[in-house]
Amino acid sequence: QVQLVESGGGLVQPGGSLRLSCAASRSIFTFYSMGWYRQAPGEQRELVATISSGGTKNYADSVKGRFTISRDNAKNTVYLQMNSLKSEDTAVYYCNARPSVYSAPEWGQGAQVTVSS
């Protein structure tokens, strides 16, 4: 089991930037994948971006070219750099970890991101 703690959310104007961090309670070096999902009010949780243990990245079409996922294995942390934010990016963002391909996903508590003028 792994505990995940997100930070870095907040209120930002359209066109602005935020960086989310997800700190894991143990080493993520061998984790099958880590990622970010989001859930807007009244909507289902959706994938934003994932990164594999080998560094392969996957993005939702809606964030390609604007968001960048990265991982720092030495700090047991995954980041989501969000640029050119839009109002439709407003949601609670959840960190996700899968220690192995056979593991059930683990979730953080979520970080609110609000994009508004």
Protein backbone atom coordinates (compact mmCIF):
# COMPACT_ATOMS: atom_id res chain seq x y z
CA GLN A 1 0.00 0.00 0.00
CA VAL A 2 1.14 3.55 -0.66
CA GLN A 3 -0.12 6.89 0.61
CA LEU A 4 -0.28 9.77 -1.86
CA VAL A 5 -0.45 13.45 -0.92
CA GLU A 6 -1.24 16.08 -3.54
CA SER A 7 -0.31 19.75 -3.25
CA GLY A 8 -0.12 22.84 -5.43
CA GLY A 9 -3.76 23.39 -6.29
CA GLY A 10 -5.46 26.75 -6.11
CA LEU A 11 -7.16 29.56 -7.99
CA VAL A 12 -5.62 30.84 -11.21
CA GLN A 13 -6.77 33.09 -14.02
CA PRO A 14 -7.36 31.74 -17.53
CA GLY A 15 -4.06 31.47 -19.36
CA GLY A 16 -2.15 31.01 -16.12
CA SER A 17 -0.06 28.12 -14.83
CA LEU A 18 0.02 25.79 -11.84
CA ARG A 19 2.18 22.85 -10.86
CA LEU A 20 0.70 19.97 -8.91
CA SER A 21 2.87 17.65 -6.85
CA CYS A 22 2.11 14.16 -5.60
CA ALA A 23 4.37 12.81 -2.87
CA ALA A 24 4.33 9.07 -2.26
CA SER A 25 5.02 7.42 1.10
CA ARG A 26 7.53 4.97 -0.38
CA SER A 27 9.78 4.53 -3.37
CA ILE A 28 8.08 4.84 -6.74
CA PHE A 29 11.13 3.73 -8.73
CA THR A 30 9.61 0.41 -9.77
CA PHE A 31 5.99 1.52 -9.93
CA TYR A 32 4.23 0.31 -13.08
CA SER A 33 2.64 3.71 -13.58
CA MET A 34 1.65 6.92 -11.92
CA GLY A 35 -0.80 9.49 -13.15
CA TRP A 36 -3.22 12.30 -12.71
CA TYR A 37 -6.99 12.18 -13.07
CA ARG A 38 -9.58 14.89 -12.57
CA GLN A 39 -13.23 15.17 -11.71
CA ALA A 40 -15.36 18.22 -12.36
CA PRO A 41 -18.68 18.75 -10.54
CA GLY A 42 -21.34 16.45 -11.94
CA GLU A 43 -18.84 14.66 -14.17
CA GLN A 44 -17.06 11.31 -14.06
CA ARG A 45 -13.42 11.08 -13.12
CA GLU A 46 -11.27 11.23 -16.25
CA LEU A 47 -7.66 10.54 -17.12
CA VAL A 48 -5.41 13.58 -17.51
CA ALA A 49 -1.93 12.06 -17.87
CA THR A 50 0.07 8.98 -16.95
CA ILE A 51 3.75 8.12 -16.87
CA SER A 52 5.18 4.61 -16.81
CA SER A 53 8.22 3.31 -14.96
CA GLY A 54 10.12 3.59 -18.24
CA GLY A 55 9.07 7.21 -18.70
CA THR A 56 6.42 6.70 -21.38
CA LYS A 57 3.82 9.46 -21.13
CA ASN A 58 0.18 9.47 -22.11
CA TYR A 59 -2.10 12.49 -22.20
CA ALA A 60 -5.78 13.20 -22.68
CA ASP A 61 -6.39 15.00 -25.98
CA SER A 62 -7.83 17.97 -24.10
CA VAL A 63 -4.52 18.71 -22.33
CA LYS A 64 -1.93 17.76 -24.97
CA GLY A 65 0.52 20.57 -25.57
CA ARG A 66 -0.50 22.36 -22.37
CA PHE A 67 0.18 19.88 -19.53
CA THR A 68 3.36 17.97 -18.78
CA ILE A 69 3.69 15.02 -16.41
CA SER A 70 7.04 14.11 -14.88
CA ARG A 71 8.39 11.98 -12.08
CA ASP A 72 11.34 12.38 -9.72
CA ASN A 73 12.12 8.92 -8.38
CA ALA A 74 14.68 10.28 -5.92
CA LYS A 75 11.96 12.38 -4.27
CA ASN A 76 9.17 9.81 -4.69
CA THR A 77 7.18 12.56 -6.37
CA VAL A 78 5.16 13.00 -9.54
CA TYR A 79 4.39 16.41 -10.98
CA LEU A 80 1.81 17.88 -13.32
CA GLN A 81 2.83 21.18 -14.90
CA MET A 82 -0.29 22.89 -16.22
CA ASN A 83 0.08 25.83 -18.61
CA SER A 84 -2.42 27.87 -20.62
CA LEU A 85 -5.16 26.89 -18.19
CA LYS A 86 -8.78 27.15 -19.27
CA SER A 87 -12.00 27.38 -17.29
CA GLU A 88 -12.82 23.84 -18.38
CA ASP A 89 -9.73 22.61 -16.53
CA THR A 90 -11.49 23.42 -13.25
CA ALA A 91 -11.77 20.19 -11.27
CA VAL A 92 -10.44 18.21 -8.35
CA TYR A 93 -7.20 16.60 -9.47
CA TYR A 94 -6.30 13.18 -8.08
CA CYS A 95 -2.94 11.46 -8.05
CA ASN A 96 -2.97 7.77 -8.95
CA ALA A 97 -0.38 5.06 -8.45
CA ARG A 98 -0.17 1.45 -9.64
CA PRO A 99 2.78 -0.31 -8.02
CA SER A 100 2.48 -3.19 -10.48
CA VAL A 101 0.37 -4.16 -13.46
CA TYR A 102 -1.56 -6.45 -11.12
CA SER A 103 -2.15 -3.80 -8.45
CA ALA A 104 -5.38 -2.01 -7.79
CA PRO A 105 -4.86 1.73 -8.17
CA GLU A 106 -4.14 3.86 -5.11
CA TRP A 107 -5.53 7.40 -4.89
CA GLY A 108 -4.63 10.63 -3.17
CA GLN A 109 -7.15 12.87 -1.44
CA GLY A 110 -7.36 15.32 -4.33
CA ALA A 111 -6.36 18.92 -5.00
CA GLN A 112 -8.80 21.59 -6.14
CA VAL A 113 -7.86 23.56 -9.24
CA THR A 114 -10.09 26.51 -10.13
CA VAL A 115 -9.54 28.51 -13.29
CA SER A 116 -11.52 31.72 -13.18
CA SER A 117 -11.16 35.43 -13.76
